């Protein structure tokens, strides 16, 4: 896993598997519009969940959660609105979650799911 894209794709795949194993339905991955990208759109019961996935190969640059800025959370709110508008859906509830994936060569990856991050 050398490139940044490969690391991100690996983390998103682990995050999607994690969500499915915890009863979420993954509706869409890597949805894009002019505002940006949603890594994972999922459903948990009646709640639509917008997931931002951050993956790191170590802690040299901080934890994955430390890379989530206020600006990013604001963008995710806008993206959630655009996704709903595009798909003409009105779910009972909407939530923005962050999934942090941390791995290195010597340990199995860890997945930390923060519900309601924004």
C-alpha atoms as a PDB file:
ATOM      1  CA  UNK A   1       0.000   0.000   0.000  1.00  0.00           C
ATOM      2  CA  UNK A   2       2.127   2.819  -1.234  1.00  0.00           C
ATOM      3  CA  UNK A   3      -0.024   5.472  -2.765  1.00  0.00           C
ATOM      4  CA  UNK A   4      -2.389   7.798  -0.947  1.00  0.00           C
ATOM      5  CA  UNK A   5      -5.265   6.633  -3.188  1.00  0.00           C
ATOM      6  CA  UNK A   6      -4.616   2.981  -2.396  1.00  0.00           C
ATOM      7  CA  UNK A   7      -4.580   3.723   1.332  1.00  0.00           C
ATOM      8  CA  UNK A   8      -7.857   5.630   1.050  1.00  0.00           C
ATOM      9  CA  UNK A   9      -9.519   2.915  -1.015  1.00  0.00           C
ATOM     10  CA  UNK A  10      -8.389   0.269   1.476  1.00  0.00           C
ATOM     11  CA  UNK A  11      -9.833   2.289   4.355  1.00  0.00           C
ATOM     12  CA  UNK A  12     -13.132   2.853   2.557  1.00  0.00           C
ATOM     13  CA  UNK A  13     -13.440  -0.850   1.813  1.00  0.00           C
ATOM     14  CA  UNK A  14     -12.844  -1.705   5.492  1.00  0.00           C
ATOM     15  CA  UNK A  15     -15.348   0.970   6.529  1.00  0.00           C
ATOM     16  CA  UNK A  16     -18.020  -0.391   4.179  1.00  0.00           C
ATOM     17  CA  UNK A  17     -17.477  -3.933   5.498  1.00  0.00           C
ATOM     18  CA  UNK A  18     -17.637  -2.619   9.058  1.00  0.00           C
ATOM     19  CA  UNK A  19     -20.926  -0.829   8.391  1.00  0.00           C
ATOM     20  CA  UNK A  20     -22.497  -3.880   6.739  1.00  0.00           C
ATOM     21  CA  UNK A  21     -21.391  -6.101   9.624  1.00  0.00           C
ATOM     22  CA  UNK A  22     -23.128  -3.703  12.029  1.00  0.00           C
ATOM     23  CA  UNK A  23     -26.463  -3.787  10.209  1.00  0.00           C
ATOM     24  CA  UNK A  24     -26.121  -0.784   7.909  1.00  0.00           C
ATOM     25  CA  UNK A  25     -27.179  -0.911   4.278  1.00  0.00           C
ATOM     26  CA  UNK A  26     -24.536   0.747   2.094  1.00  0.00           C
ATOM     27  CA  UNK A  27     -26.464   2.680  -0.549  1.00  0.00           C
ATOM     28  CA  UNK A  28     -23.661   4.401  -2.432  1.00  0.00           C
ATOM     29  CA  UNK A  29     -19.919   4.919  -2.365  1.00  0.00           C
ATOM     30  CA  UNK A  30     -17.805   7.809  -3.649  1.00  0.00           C
ATOM     31  CA  UNK A  31     -20.751   9.969  -4.717  1.00  0.00           C
ATOM     32  CA  UNK A  32     -19.536  13.197  -6.292  1.00  0.00           C
ATOM     33  CA  UNK A  33     -20.911  16.563  -7.290  1.00  0.00           C
ATOM     34  CA  UNK A  34     -19.389  20.016  -7.726  1.00  0.00           C
ATOM     35  CA  UNK A  35     -19.387  20.495  -3.921  1.00  0.00           C
ATOM     36  CA  UNK A  36     -17.161  17.486  -3.258  1.00  0.00           C
ATOM     37  CA  UNK A  37     -17.474  13.799  -2.475  1.00  0.00           C
ATOM     38  CA  UNK A  38     -19.324  11.626   0.012  1.00  0.00           C
ATOM     39  CA  UNK A  39     -17.284   8.516   0.818  1.00  0.00           C
ATOM     40  CA  UNK A  40     -20.219   6.327   1.893  1.00  0.00           C
ATOM     41  CA  UNK A  41     -23.970   6.862   1.981  1.00  0.00           C
ATOM     42  CA  UNK A  42     -25.650   4.268   4.183  1.00  0.00           C
ATOM     43  CA  UNK A  43     -28.921   3.574   5.947  1.00  0.00           C
ATOM     44  CA  UNK A  44     -29.349   2.466   9.539  1.00  0.00           C
ATOM     45  CA  UNK A  45     -33.023   1.776  10.086  1.00  0.00           C
ATOM     46  CA  UNK A  46     -34.885   4.985   9.181  1.00  0.00           C
ATOM     47  CA  UNK A  47     -31.727   7.109   9.373  1.00  0.00           C
ATOM     48  CA  UNK A  48     -29.701   8.145   6.345  1.00  0.00           C
ATOM     49  CA  UNK A  49     -26.024   8.168   7.304  1.00  0.00           C
ATOM     50  CA  UNK A  50     -23.390  10.188   5.456  1.00  0.00           C
ATOM     51  CA  UNK A  51     -19.970   8.722   6.267  1.00  0.00           C
ATOM     52  CA  UNK A  52     -16.600  10.405   5.945  1.00  0.00           C
ATOM     53  CA  UNK A  53     -13.776   7.857   6.016  1.00  0.00           C
ATOM     54  CA  UNK A  54     -10.263   8.858   7.071  1.00  0.00           C
ATOM     55  CA  UNK A  55      -7.448   6.347   6.837  1.00  0.00           C
ATOM     56  CA  UNK A  56      -3.887   6.560   8.135  1.00  0.00           C
ATOM     57  CA  UNK A  57      -0.964   4.156   8.040  1.00  0.00           C
ATOM     58  CA  UNK A  58       0.445   5.434  11.300  1.00  0.00           C
ATOM     59  CA  UNK A  59       0.352   8.342  13.704  1.00  0.00           C
ATOM     60  CA  UNK A  60       3.194  10.414  12.223  1.00  0.00           C
ATOM     61  CA  UNK A  61       0.666  12.993  10.997  1.00  0.00           C
ATOM     62  CA  UNK A  62      -1.832  12.579  13.840  1.00  0.00           C
ATOM     63  CA  UNK A  63      -4.855  10.358  14.151  1.00  0.00           C
ATOM     64  CA  UNK A  64      -7.353  10.033  11.326  1.00  0.00           C
ATOM     65  CA  UNK A  65      -9.927  11.914  13.415  1.00  0.00           C
ATOM     66  CA  UNK A  66      -7.580  14.868  13.864  1.00  0.00           C
ATOM     67  CA  UNK A  67      -7.689  15.469  10.121  1.00  0.00           C
ATOM     68  CA  UNK A  68     -11.435  16.246  10.149  1.00  0.00           C
ATOM     69  CA  UNK A  69     -11.836  20.025  10.165  1.00  0.00           C
ATOM     70  CA  UNK A  70     -14.844  22.224  10.849  1.00  0.00           C
ATOM     71  CA  UNK A  71     -14.747  23.182   7.175  1.00  0.00           C
ATOM     72  CA  UNK A  72     -14.961  19.510   6.143  1.00  0.00           C
ATOM     73  CA  UNK A  73     -17.937  18.918   8.437  1.00  0.00           C
ATOM     74  CA  UNK A  74     -19.669  21.974   6.964  1.00  0.00           C
ATOM     75  CA  UNK A  75     -19.038  20.641   3.458  1.00  0.00           C
ATOM     76  CA  UNK A  76     -20.445  17.241   4.462  1.00  0.00           C
ATOM     77  CA  UNK A  77     -23.670  18.916   5.624  1.00  0.00           C
ATOM     78  CA  UNK A  78     -23.987  20.630   2.237  1.00  0.00           C
ATOM     79  CA  UNK A  79     -23.208  17.385   0.422  1.00  0.00           C
ATOM     80  CA  UNK A  80     -25.877  15.566   2.428  1.00  0.00           C
ATOM     81  CA  UNK A  81     -28.435  18.124   1.333  1.00  0.00           C
ATOM     82  CA  UNK A  82     -27.373  17.859  -2.283  1.00  0.00           C
ATOM     83  CA  UNK A  83     -27.462  14.047  -2.200  1.00  0.00           C
ATOM     84  CA  UNK A  84     -31.004  14.126  -0.791  1.00  0.00           C
ATOM     85  CA  UNK A  85     -32.087  16.672  -3.392  1.00  0.00           C
ATOM     86  CA  UNK A  86     -30.568  14.655  -6.232  1.00  0.00           C
ATOM     87  CA  UNK A  87     -32.177  11.413  -5.056  1.00  0.00           C
ATOM     88  CA  UNK A  88     -35.471  13.078  -4.061  1.00  0.00           C
ATOM     89  CA  UNK A  89     -35.541  11.387  -0.674  1.00  0.00           C
ATOM     90  CA  UNK A  90     -36.864  12.548   2.694  1.00  0.00           C
ATOM     91  CA  UNK A  91     -35.586  10.156   5.354  1.00  0.00           C
ATOM     92  CA  UNK A  92     -36.908  10.266   8.917  1.00  0.00           C
ATOM     93  CA  UNK A  93     -33.451  11.356  10.135  1.00  0.00           C
ATOM     94  CA  UNK A  94     -30.040  12.239   8.747  1.00  0.00           C
ATOM     95  CA  UNK A  95     -26.718  11.777  10.503  1.00  0.00           C
ATOM     96  CA  UNK A  96     -23.107  12.475   9.600  1.00  0.00           C
ATOM     97  CA  UNK A  97     -20.619   9.916  10.905  1.00  0.00           C
ATOM     98  CA  UNK A  98     -16.850   9.667  10.705  1.00  0.00           C
ATOM     99  CA  UNK A  99     -15.050   6.359  10.375  1.00  0.00           C
ATOM    100  CA  UNK A 100     -11.367   6.404  11.234  1.00  0.00           C
ATOM    101  CA  UNK A 101      -9.196   3.542   9.999  1.00  0.00           C
ATOM    102  CA  UNK A 102      -5.670   3.140  11.349  1.00  0.00           C
ATOM    103  CA  UNK A 103      -3.269   0.438  10.272  1.00  0.00           C
ATOM    104  CA  UNK A 104       0.392  -0.375   9.999  1.00  0.00           C
ATOM    105  CA  UNK A 105       2.384  -3.375   8.895  1.00  0.00           C
ATOM    106  CA  UNK A 106       2.575  -4.948  12.384  1.00  0.00           C
ATOM    107  CA  UNK A 107      -1.017  -4.853  13.654  1.00  0.00           C
ATOM    108  CA  UNK A 108      -4.476  -5.514  12.317  1.00  0.00           C
ATOM    109  CA  UNK A 109      -6.347  -2.361  11.239  1.00  0.00           C
ATOM    110  CA  UNK A 110      -8.522  -0.592  13.786  1.00  0.00           C
ATOM    111  CA  UNK A 111     -11.851   0.971  12.853  1.00  0.00           C
ATOM    112  CA  UNK A 112     -13.284   3.740  15.031  1.00  0.00           C
ATOM    113  CA  UNK A 113     -16.864   4.807  14.241  1.00  0.00           C
ATOM    114  CA  UNK A 114     -17.949   8.226  15.508  1.00  0.00           C
ATOM    115  CA  UNK A 115     -21.724   8.626  15.206  1.00  0.00           C
ATOM    116  CA  UNK A 116     -23.202  12.081  14.817  1.00  0.00           C
ATOM    117  CA  UNK A 117     -19.935  13.912  14.211  1.00  0.00           C
ATOM    118  CA  UNK A 118     -21.719  16.886  12.634  1.00  0.00           C
END
